Amino acid sequence: MSQEQGGDGEVGKENVLAHLLSADGSRSRDEPEIATNIGIQLQHMGLNTWSSSVLRRLRDALGRLRPSNIIEVGAGIGHRSAWIYDLFQTDGFQPETYQLVEDGAKFAVILRRLMLRHDAEAYTTIVVGNVDALVAETNAWQAASSTGIEVGNPPLRSGADAIIVDGPSEIRSRYVEQVLPYMAPNGVLFTVEPDMPLGDVGEDDADGLLLVDGFNHWIGLIEKSNTTHHIAFMPLFGGTLVAMTRK
């Protein structure tokens, strides 16, 4: 990540992070056509996605960052990915690697069609599996590599310039915590703040208790990460976009 916008040192990196999350008025506000079609499919399937306001701001940030290596956790059926692929096409650049991580194997088929539609198979890898298991496998591979006995490649690539984390609100912060170590020194992690529990939650409300637990974990993660990372929050229509980079 370039620090030219804010100068050198910690204050410089903090300023760059704020600049990344600002709106880029030179870009179109229209949703890419392919993303619109996927959005309709999402509605038919009863699935959620990030709001257009959040996705526009994420696109603006990635356009400034121009990351070489990207990990997208919780790719779903590719609505957000379609915005990112459109950015590559509009700006005329492509990353070295783009990992689409998704737990559902049936969604991987849809992601593959999206990848092929954008002629992105040369740099895109679709990784199917639970985040917990993928992180464990990657850590095991890295431990083996230190002894020189590793075989093949790890499921998740380290040194990502941009990591995008989605997932159910109650476990999203755990995903963030798990993949933060895979970020490059000047990389940026993007996520949306989990839903805040509203009202009283009864002891028999299992879903409500999971939401409370997830939000408490998020608060604890932010408090802990403040000592090691710069963190910026951008409230937008439909959610708060959060960016994190190492101090």
C-alpha atoms as a PDB file:
ATOM      1  CA  MET A   1       0.000   0.000   0.000  1.00  0.00           C
ATOM      2  CA  SER A   2       1.414   3.351  -1.022  1.00  0.00           C
ATOM      3  CA  GLN A   3       1.913   5.951   1.695  1.00  0.00           C
ATOM      4  CA  GLU A   4       2.383   8.878  -0.653  1.00  0.00           C
ATOM      5  CA  GLN A   5      -0.931  10.451   0.357  1.00  0.00           C
ATOM      6  CA  GLY A   6       0.025  10.817   3.977  1.00  0.00           C
ATOM      7  CA  GLY A   7       3.787  10.811   4.173  1.00  0.00           C
ATOM      8  CA  ASP A   8       5.925   8.411   6.149  1.00  0.00           C
ATOM      9  CA  GLY A   9       5.306   6.858   9.562  1.00  0.00           C
ATOM     10  CA  GLU A  10       2.242   5.847  11.512  1.00  0.00           C
ATOM     11  CA  VAL A  11       0.298   9.041  10.873  1.00  0.00           C
ATOM     12  CA  GLY A  12       0.961   8.575   7.140  1.00  0.00           C
ATOM     13  CA  LYS A  13      -0.491   5.071   7.091  1.00  0.00           C
ATOM     14  CA  GLU A  14      -3.522   6.212   9.051  1.00  0.00           C
ATOM     15  CA  ASN A  15      -4.139   9.006   6.555  1.00  0.00           C
ATOM     16  CA  VAL A  16      -3.808   6.612   3.635  1.00  0.00           C
ATOM     17  CA  LEU A  17      -6.423   4.339   5.201  1.00  0.00           C
ATOM     18  CA  ALA A  18      -8.884   7.205   5.530  1.00  0.00           C
ATOM     19  CA  HIS A  19      -8.178   8.197   1.914  1.00  0.00           C
ATOM     20  CA  LEU A  20      -8.828   4.639   0.721  1.00  0.00           C
ATOM     21  CA  LEU A  21     -12.320   4.690   2.229  1.00  0.00           C
ATOM     22  CA  SER A  22     -13.295   8.039   0.708  1.00  0.00           C
ATOM     23  CA  ALA A  23     -15.535   8.208  -2.355  1.00  0.00           C
ATOM     24  CA  ASP A  24     -13.959   8.403  -5.817  1.00  0.00           C
ATOM     25  CA  GLY A  25     -16.142  10.885  -7.676  1.00  0.00           C
ATOM     26  CA  SER A  26     -14.587   9.987 -11.019  1.00  0.00           C
ATOM     27  CA  ARG A  27     -16.167   6.514 -11.023  1.00  0.00           C
ATOM     28  CA  SER A  28     -19.637   5.491 -12.129  1.00  0.00           C
ATOM     29  CA  ARG A  29     -22.283   5.036  -9.462  1.00  0.00           C
ATOM     30  CA  ASP A  30     -24.093   2.443 -11.564  1.00  0.00           C
ATOM     31  CA  GLU A  31     -23.961  -1.208 -10.609  1.00  0.00           C
ATOM     32  CA  PRO A  32     -22.153  -3.373 -13.185  1.00  0.00           C
ATOM     33  CA  GLU A  33     -24.596  -5.252 -15.410  1.00  0.00           C
ATOM     34  CA  ILE A  34     -23.366  -8.698 -14.402  1.00  0.00           C
ATOM     35  CA  ALA A  35     -23.590  -7.760 -10.715  1.00  0.00           C
ATOM     36  CA  THR A  36     -27.176  -6.579 -11.267  1.00  0.00           C
ATOM     37  CA  ASN A  37     -28.123  -9.929 -12.774  1.00  0.00           C
ATOM     38  CA  ILE A  38     -26.483 -11.789  -9.891  1.00  0.00           C
ATOM     39  CA  GLY A  39     -28.324  -9.517  -7.455  1.00  0.00           C
ATOM     40  CA  ILE A  40     -31.636 -10.653  -8.941  1.00  0.00           C
ATOM     41  CA  GLN A  41     -30.529 -14.256  -8.549  1.00  0.00           C
ATOM     42  CA  LEU A  42     -29.612 -13.542  -4.910  1.00  0.00           C
ATOM     43  CA  GLN A  43     -33.134 -12.313  -4.211  1.00  0.00           C
ATOM     44  CA  HIS A  44     -34.641 -15.444  -5.751  1.00  0.00           C
ATOM     45  CA  MET A  45     -32.364 -17.593  -3.580  1.00  0.00           C
ATOM     46  CA  GLY A  46     -33.110 -15.606  -0.411  1.00  0.00           C
ATOM     47  CA  LEU A  47     -29.447 -14.654   0.048  1.00  0.00           C
ATOM     48  CA  ASN A  48     -27.973 -11.408   1.367  1.00  0.00           C
ATOM     49  CA  THR A  49     -25.223  -9.226  -0.035  1.00  0.00           C
ATOM     50  CA  TRP A  50     -23.534  -5.944   0.808  1.00  0.00           C
ATOM     51  CA  SER A  51     -25.380  -2.770  -0.107  1.00  0.00           C
ATOM     52  CA  SER A  52     -24.563  -0.885  -3.298  1.00  0.00           C
ATOM     53  CA  SER A  53     -23.166   1.980  -1.214  1.00  0.00           C
ATOM     54  CA  VAL A  54     -20.727  -0.338   0.553  1.00  0.00           C
ATOM     55  CA  LEU A  55     -19.761  -2.110  -2.675  1.00  0.00           C
ATOM     56  CA  ARG A  56     -19.121   1.174  -4.489  1.00  0.00           C
ATOM     57  CA  ARG A  57     -16.845   2.325  -1.680  1.00  0.00           C
ATOM     58  CA  LEU A  58     -15.027  -1.023  -1.602  1.00  0.00           C
ATOM     59  CA  ARG A  59     -14.506  -0.768  -5.365  1.00  0.00           C
ATOM     60  CA  ASP A  60     -13.160   2.778  -4.973  1.00  0.00           C
ATOM     61  CA  ALA A  61     -10.729   1.581  -2.290  1.00  0.00           C
ATOM     62  CA  LEU A  62      -9.491  -1.354  -4.361  1.00  0.00           C
ATOM     63  CA  GLY A  63      -9.102   0.957  -7.352  1.00  0.00           C
ATOM     64  CA  ARG A  64      -6.736   3.128  -5.333  1.00  0.00           C
ATOM     65  CA  LEU A  65      -4.963   0.195  -3.712  1.00  0.00           C
ATOM     66  CA  ARG A  66      -4.512  -1.833  -6.934  1.00  0.00           C
ATOM     67  CA  PRO A  67      -3.708  -5.014  -4.988  1.00  0.00           C
ATOM     68  CA  SER A  68      -1.612  -7.764  -6.567  1.00  0.00           C
ATOM     69  CA  ASN A  69      -2.870 -10.554  -4.322  1.00  0.00           C
ATOM     70  CA  ILE A  70      -6.477 -10.693  -3.092  1.00  0.00           C
ATOM     71  CA  ILE A  71      -8.381 -13.062  -0.815  1.00  0.00           C
ATOM     72  CA  GLU A  72     -12.176 -12.796  -0.721  1.00  0.00           C
ATOM     73  CA  VAL A  73     -13.719 -14.794   2.125  1.00  0.00           C
ATOM     74  CA  GLY A  74     -17.417 -15.566   1.789  1.00  0.00           C
ATOM     75  CA  ALA A  75     -17.665 -15.029  -1.960  1.00  0.00           C
ATOM     76  CA  GLY A  76     -21.178 -16.489  -2.111  1.00  0.00           C
ATOM     77  CA  ILE A  77     -22.459 -16.599  -5.690  1.00  0.00           C
ATOM     78  CA  GLY A  78     -20.179 -13.791  -6.797  1.00  0.00           C
ATOM     79  CA  HIS A  79     -22.171 -10.561  -6.470  1.00  0.00           C
ATOM     80  CA  ARG A  80     -19.313  -8.675  -4.822  1.00  0.00           C
ATOM     81  CA  SER A  81     -16.805 -10.503  -7.019  1.00  0.00           C
ATOM     82  CA  ALA A  82     -18.618  -9.194 -10.096  1.00  0.00           C
ATOM     83  CA  TRP A  83     -17.999  -5.628  -8.887  1.00  0.00           C
ATOM     84  CA  ILE A  84     -14.320  -6.446  -8.427  1.00  0.00           C
ATOM     85  CA  TYR A  85     -13.963  -8.104 -11.829  1.00  0.00           C
ATOM     86  CA  ASP A  86     -15.647  -5.072 -13.388  1.00  0.00           C
ATOM     87  CA  LEU A  87     -13.040  -2.853 -11.690  1.00  0.00           C
ATOM     88  CA  PHE A  88     -10.250  -4.888 -13.278  1.00  0.00           C
ATOM     89  CA  GLN A  89     -11.888  -4.546 -16.696  1.00  0.00           C
ATOM     90  CA  THR A  90     -12.602  -0.829 -16.334  1.00  0.00           C
ATOM     91  CA  ASP A  91      -9.106   0.044 -15.095  1.00  0.00           C
ATOM     92  CA  GLY A  92      -7.313  -2.362 -17.432  1.00  0.00           C
ATOM     93  CA  PHE A  93      -5.353  -4.230 -14.782  1.00  0.00           C
ATOM     94  CA  GLN A  94      -5.528  -7.622 -13.129  1.00  0.00           C
ATOM     95  CA  PRO A  95      -3.998  -9.003  -9.939  1.00  0.00           C
ATOM     96  CA  GLU A  96      -1.465 -11.792  -9.787  1.00  0.00           C
ATOM     97  CA  THR A  97      -3.831 -13.882  -7.664  1.00  0.00           C
ATOM     98  CA  TYR A  98      -7.469 -13.627  -6.641  1.00  0.00           C
ATOM     99  CA  GLN A  99      -8.709 -16.308  -4.248  1.00  0.00           C
ATOM    100  CA  LEU A 100     -12.474 -16.727  -3.934  1.00  0.00           C
ATOM    101  CA  VAL A 101     -13.174 -18.597  -0.704  1.00  0.00           C
ATOM    102  CA  GLU A 102     -16.616 -20.127  -0.285  1.00  0.00           C
ATOM    103  CA  ASP A 103     -17.955 -22.846   1.999  1.00  0.00           C
ATOM    104  CA  GLY A 104     -20.679 -24.044  -0.376  1.00  0.00           C
ATOM    105  CA  ALA A 105     -19.573 -26.357  -3.189  1.00  0.00           C
ATOM    106  CA  LYS A 106     -22.738 -25.601  -5.175  1.00  0.00           C
ATOM    107  CA  PHE A 107     -21.822 -21.903  -5.165  1.00  0.00           C
ATOM    108  CA  ALA A 108     -18.376 -22.747  -6.533  1.00  0.00           C
ATOM    109  CA  VAL A 109     -20.004 -23.787  -9.814  1.00  0.00           C
ATOM    110  CA  ILE A 110     -21.589 -20.336 -10.121  1.00  0.00           C
ATOM    111  CA  LEU A 111     -18.293 -18.643  -9.196  1.00  0.00           C
ATOM    112  CA  ARG A 112     -16.519 -20.643 -11.886  1.00  0.00           C
ATOM    113  CA  ARG A 113     -18.975 -19.412 -14.525  1.00  0.00           C
ATOM    114  CA  LEU A 114     -18.357 -15.837 -13.342  1.00  0.00           C
ATOM    115  CA  MET A 115     -14.598 -16.369 -13.517  1.00  0.00           C
ATOM    116  CA  LEU A 116     -14.789 -17.761 -17.061  1.00  0.00           C
ATOM    117  CA  ARG A 117     -17.109 -14.961 -18.171  1.00  0.00           C
ATOM    118  CA  HIS A 118     -14.401 -12.468 -17.195  1.00  0.00           C
ATOM    119  CA  ASP A 119     -11.548 -14.549 -18.694  1.00  0.00           C
ATOM    120  CA  ALA A 120     -10.028 -14.582 -15.216  1.00  0.00           C
ATOM    121  CA  GLU A 121      -8.975 -18.234 -14.887  1.00  0.00           C
ATOM    122  CA  ALA A 122      -5.279 -17.315 -15.240  1.00  0.00           C
ATOM    123  CA  TYR A 123      -5.249 -15.528 -11.877  1.00  0.00           C
ATOM    124  CA  THR A 124      -8.385 -16.716 -10.043  1.00  0.00           C
ATOM    125  CA  THR A 125      -8.511 -19.669  -7.663  1.00  0.00           C
ATOM    126  CA  ILE A 126     -11.797 -20.896  -6.203  1.00  0.00           C
ATOM    127  CA  VAL A 127     -11.190 -22.357  -2.758  1.00  0.00           C
ATOM    128  CA  VAL A 128     -14.070 -24.437  -1.381  1.00  0.00           C
ATOM    129  CA  GLY A 129     -14.179 -25.175   2.319  1.00  0.00           C
ATOM    130  CA  ASN A 130     -14.959 -23.997   5.817  1.00  0.00           C
ATOM    131  CA  VAL A 131     -12.762 -21.102   6.916  1.00  0.00           C
ATOM    132  CA  ASP A 132     -11.788 -22.859  10.158  1.00  0.00           C
ATOM    133  CA  ALA A 133     -10.591 -25.934   8.264  1.00  0.00           C
ATOM    134  CA  LEU A 134      -8.833 -23.931   5.554  1.00  0.00           C
ATOM    135  CA  VAL A 135      -6.926 -21.881   8.129  1.00  0.00           C
ATOM    136  CA  ALA A 136      -5.930 -25.029  10.017  1.00  0.00           C
ATOM    137  CA  GLU A 137      -4.705 -26.670   6.799  1.00  0.00           C
ATOM    138  CA  THR A 138      -2.781 -23.550   5.806  1.00  0.00           C
ATOM    139  CA  ASN A 139      -1.126 -23.286   9.212  1.00  0.00           C
ATOM    140  CA  ALA A 140      -0.178 -26.957   9.044  1.00  0.00           C
ATOM    141  CA  TRP A 141       1.311 -26.450   5.576  1.00  0.00           C
ATOM    142  CA  GLN A 142       3.323 -23.469   6.800  1.00  0.00           C
ATOM    143  CA  ALA A 143       4.630 -25.480   9.747  1.00  0.00           C
ATOM    144  CA  ALA A 144       5.659 -28.267   7.381  1.00  0.00           C
ATOM    145  CA  SER A 145       7.306 -25.795   5.003  1.00  0.00           C
ATOM    146  CA  SER A 146       9.601 -24.631   7.788  1.00  0.00           C
ATOM    147  CA  THR A 147      11.015 -28.167   7.866  1.00  0.00           C
ATOM    148  CA  GLY A 148      11.184 -28.484   4.098  1.00  0.00           C
ATOM    149  CA  ILE A 149       8.652 -31.299   3.814  1.00  0.00           C
ATOM    150  CA  GLU A 150       5.637 -29.415   2.462  1.00  0.00           C
ATOM    151  CA  VAL A 151       3.807 -30.822  -0.557  1.00  0.00           C
ATOM    152  CA  GLY A 152       1.844 -28.705  -3.029  1.00  0.00           C
ATOM    153  CA  ASN A 153       0.440 -25.306  -2.125  1.00  0.00           C
ATOM    154  CA  PRO A 154      -1.450 -24.075   0.954  1.00  0.00           C
ATOM    155  CA  PRO A 155      -5.220 -23.507   0.643  1.00  0.00           C
ATOM    156  CA  LEU A 156      -4.848 -19.813   1.526  1.00  0.00           C
ATOM    157  CA  ARG A 157      -2.082 -17.606   0.208  1.00  0.00           C
ATOM    158  CA  SER A 158      -0.100 -15.463   2.644  1.00  0.00           C
ATOM    159  CA  GLY A 159       0.973 -11.909   1.879  1.00  0.00           C
ATOM    160  CA  ALA A 160      -2.380 -10.699   0.544  1.00  0.00           C
ATOM    161  CA  ASP A 161      -2.489  -7.003  -0.374  1.00  0.00           C
ATOM    162  CA  ALA A 162      -6.261  -6.998   0.092  1.00  0.00           C
ATOM    163  CA  ILE A 163      -8.451  -9.339   2.132  1.00  0.00           C
ATOM    164  CA  ILE A 164     -12.232  -9.007   1.943  1.00  0.00           C
ATOM    165  CA  VAL A 165     -14.188 -10.799   4.647  1.00  0.00           C
ATOM    166  CA  ASP A 166     -17.886 -11.574   4.572  1.00  0.00           C
ATOM    167  CA  GLY A 167     -19.902 -14.216   6.373  1.00  0.00           C
ATOM    168  CA  PRO A 168     -22.818 -14.539   8.789  1.00  0.00           C
ATOM    169  CA  SER A 169     -22.907 -11.600  11.177  1.00  0.00           C
ATOM    170  CA  GLU A 170     -22.523 -13.803  14.254  1.00  0.00           C
ATOM    171  CA  ILE A 171     -19.207 -15.318  13.076  1.00  0.00           C
ATOM    172  CA  ARG A 172     -17.792 -12.645  10.764  1.00  0.00           C
ATOM    173  CA  SER A 173     -15.393 -11.223  13.335  1.00  0.00           C
ATOM    174  CA  ARG A 174     -13.966 -14.708  13.922  1.00  0.00           C
ATOM    175  CA  TYR A 175     -13.234 -14.984  10.216  1.00  0.00           C
ATOM    176  CA  VAL A 176     -11.511 -11.585  10.374  1.00  0.00           C
ATOM    177  CA  GLU A 177      -9.374 -12.700  13.303  1.00  0.00           C
ATOM    178  CA  GLN A 178      -8.401 -15.939  11.551  1.00  0.00           C
ATOM    179  CA  VAL A 179      -7.303 -14.419   8.242  1.00  0.00           C
ATOM    180  CA  LEU A 180      -5.597 -11.252   9.523  1.00  0.00           C
ATOM    181  CA  PRO A 181      -2.221 -13.071   9.690  1.00  0.00           C
ATOM    182  CA  TYR A 182      -2.372 -13.664   5.923  1.00  0.00           C
ATOM    183  CA  MET A 183      -2.263  -9.926   5.198  1.00  0.00           C
ATOM    184  CA  ALA A 184       0.914  -8.397   3.750  1.00  0.00           C
ATOM    185  CA  PRO A 185       2.692  -5.744   5.894  1.00  0.00           C
ATOM    186  CA  ASN A 186       1.122  -2.933   3.866  1.00  0.00           C
ATOM    187  CA  GLY A 187      -2.043  -4.847   2.989  1.00  0.00           C
ATOM    188  CA  VAL A 188      -5.596  -3.867   3.927  1.00  0.00           C
ATOM    189  CA  LEU A 189      -8.443  -6.009   5.227  1.00  0.00           C
ATOM    190  CA  PHE A 190     -11.987  -4.912   4.430  1.00  0.00           C
ATOM    191  CA  THR A 191     -15.164  -6.084   6.119  1.00  0.00           C
ATOM    192  CA  VAL A 192     -18.572  -4.810   7.160  1.00  0.00           C
ATOM    193  CA  GLU A 193     -19.291  -4.303  10.849  1.00  0.00           C
ATOM    194  CA  PRO A 194     -21.508  -7.123  12.217  1.00  0.00           C
ATOM    195  CA  ASP A 195     -25.115  -6.406  13.105  1.00  0.00           C
ATOM    196  CA  MET A 196     -25.657  -4.908  16.533  1.00  0.00           C
ATOM    197  CA  PRO A 197     -28.188  -6.773  18.703  1.00  0.00           C
ATOM    198  CA  LEU A 198     -31.302  -4.724  19.367  1.00  0.00           C
ATOM    199  CA  GLY A 199     -33.523  -4.970  22.425  1.00  0.00           C
ATOM    200  CA  ASP A 200     -33.513  -7.673  25.060  1.00  0.00           C
ATOM    201  CA  VAL A 201     -32.458 -11.171  24.067  1.00  0.00           C
ATOM    202  CA  GLY A 202     -34.113 -14.014  25.952  1.00  0.00           C
ATOM    203  CA  GLU A 203     -32.248 -17.042  27.207  1.00  0.00           C
ATOM    204  CA  ASP A 204     -34.289 -19.240  24.841  1.00  0.00           C
ATOM    205  CA  ASP A 205     -33.469 -17.093  21.781  1.00  0.00           C
ATOM    206  CA  ALA A 206     -30.613 -19.132  20.277  1.00  0.00           C
ATOM    207  CA  ASP A 207     -30.187 -16.940  17.203  1.00  0.00           C
ATOM    208  CA  GLY A 208     -30.277 -13.771  19.294  1.00  0.00           C
ATOM    209  CA  LEU A 209     -27.657 -15.123  21.681  1.00  0.00           C
ATOM    210  CA  LEU A 210     -25.373 -16.030  18.772  1.00  0.00           C
ATOM    211  CA  LEU A 211     -25.726 -12.472  17.459  1.00  0.00           C
ATOM    212  CA  VAL A 212     -24.868 -11.035  20.870  1.00  0.00           C
ATOM    213  CA  ASP A 213     -21.857 -13.329  21.182  1.00  0.00           C
ATOM    214  CA  GLY A 214     -20.685 -12.414  17.688  1.00  0.00           C
ATOM    215  CA  PHE A 215     -20.962  -8.693  18.304  1.00  0.00           C
ATOM    216  CA  ASN A 216     -19.173  -8.971  21.647  1.00  0.00           C
ATOM    217  CA  HIS A 217     -16.387 -10.866  19.907  1.00  0.00           C
ATOM    218  CA  TRP A 218     -16.189  -8.061  17.326  1.00  0.00           C
ATOM    219  CA  ILE A 219     -15.849  -5.408  20.037  1.00  0.00           C
ATOM    220  CA  GLY A 220     -13.130  -7.445  21.721  1.00  0.00           C
ATOM    221  CA  LEU A 221     -11.295  -7.931  18.429  1.00  0.00           C
ATOM    222  CA  ILE A 222     -11.341  -4.192  17.684  1.00  0.00           C
ATOM    223  CA  GLU A 223     -10.063  -3.364  21.170  1.00  0.00           C
ATOM    224  CA  LYS A 224      -7.264  -5.915  20.868  1.00  0.00           C
ATOM    225  CA  SER A 225      -6.338  -4.955  17.299  1.00  0.00           C
ATOM    226  CA  ASN A 226      -6.091  -1.242  18.107  1.00  0.00           C
ATOM    227  CA  THR A 227      -2.610  -1.887  19.509  1.00  0.00           C
ATOM    228  CA  THR A 228      -1.372  -3.567  16.318  1.00  0.00           C
ATOM    229  CA  HIS A 229      -3.468  -2.141  13.495  1.00  0.00           C
ATOM    230  CA  HIS A 230      -4.848   1.122  12.198  1.00  0.00           C
ATOM    231  CA  ILE A 231      -8.628   0.754  11.891  1.00  0.00           C
ATOM    232  CA  ALA A 232     -10.972   3.031   9.956  1.00  0.00           C
ATOM    233  CA  PHE A 233     -14.786   2.999   9.907  1.00  0.00           C
ATOM    234  CA  MET A 234     -16.922   4.401   7.100  1.00  0.00           C
ATOM    235  CA  PRO A 235     -20.679   4.486   7.884  1.00  0.00           C
ATOM    236  CA  LEU A 236     -22.655   4.063   4.670  1.00  0.00           C
ATOM    237  CA  PHE A 237     -26.205   3.275   3.659  1.00  0.00           C
ATOM    238  CA  GLY A 238     -26.682  -0.396   4.477  1.00  0.00           C
ATOM    239  CA  GLY A 239     -23.667  -0.903   6.723  1.00  0.00           C
ATOM    240  CA  THR A 240     -20.341   0.340   8.008  1.00  0.00           C
ATOM    241  CA  LEU A 241     -17.313  -0.508   5.883  1.00  0.00           C
ATOM    242  CA  VAL A 242     -14.258  -1.242   8.032  1.00  0.00           C
ATOM    243  CA  ALA A 243     -10.620  -1.260   6.917  1.00  0.00           C
ATOM    244  CA  MET A 244      -7.626  -2.541   8.880  1.00  0.00           C
ATOM    245  CA  THR A 245      -3.902  -2.301   8.153  1.00  0.00           C
ATOM    246  CA  ARG A 246      -0.865  -3.103  10.286  1.00  0.00           C
ATOM    247  CA  LYS A 247       0.834  -0.332  12.231  1.00  0.00           C
END
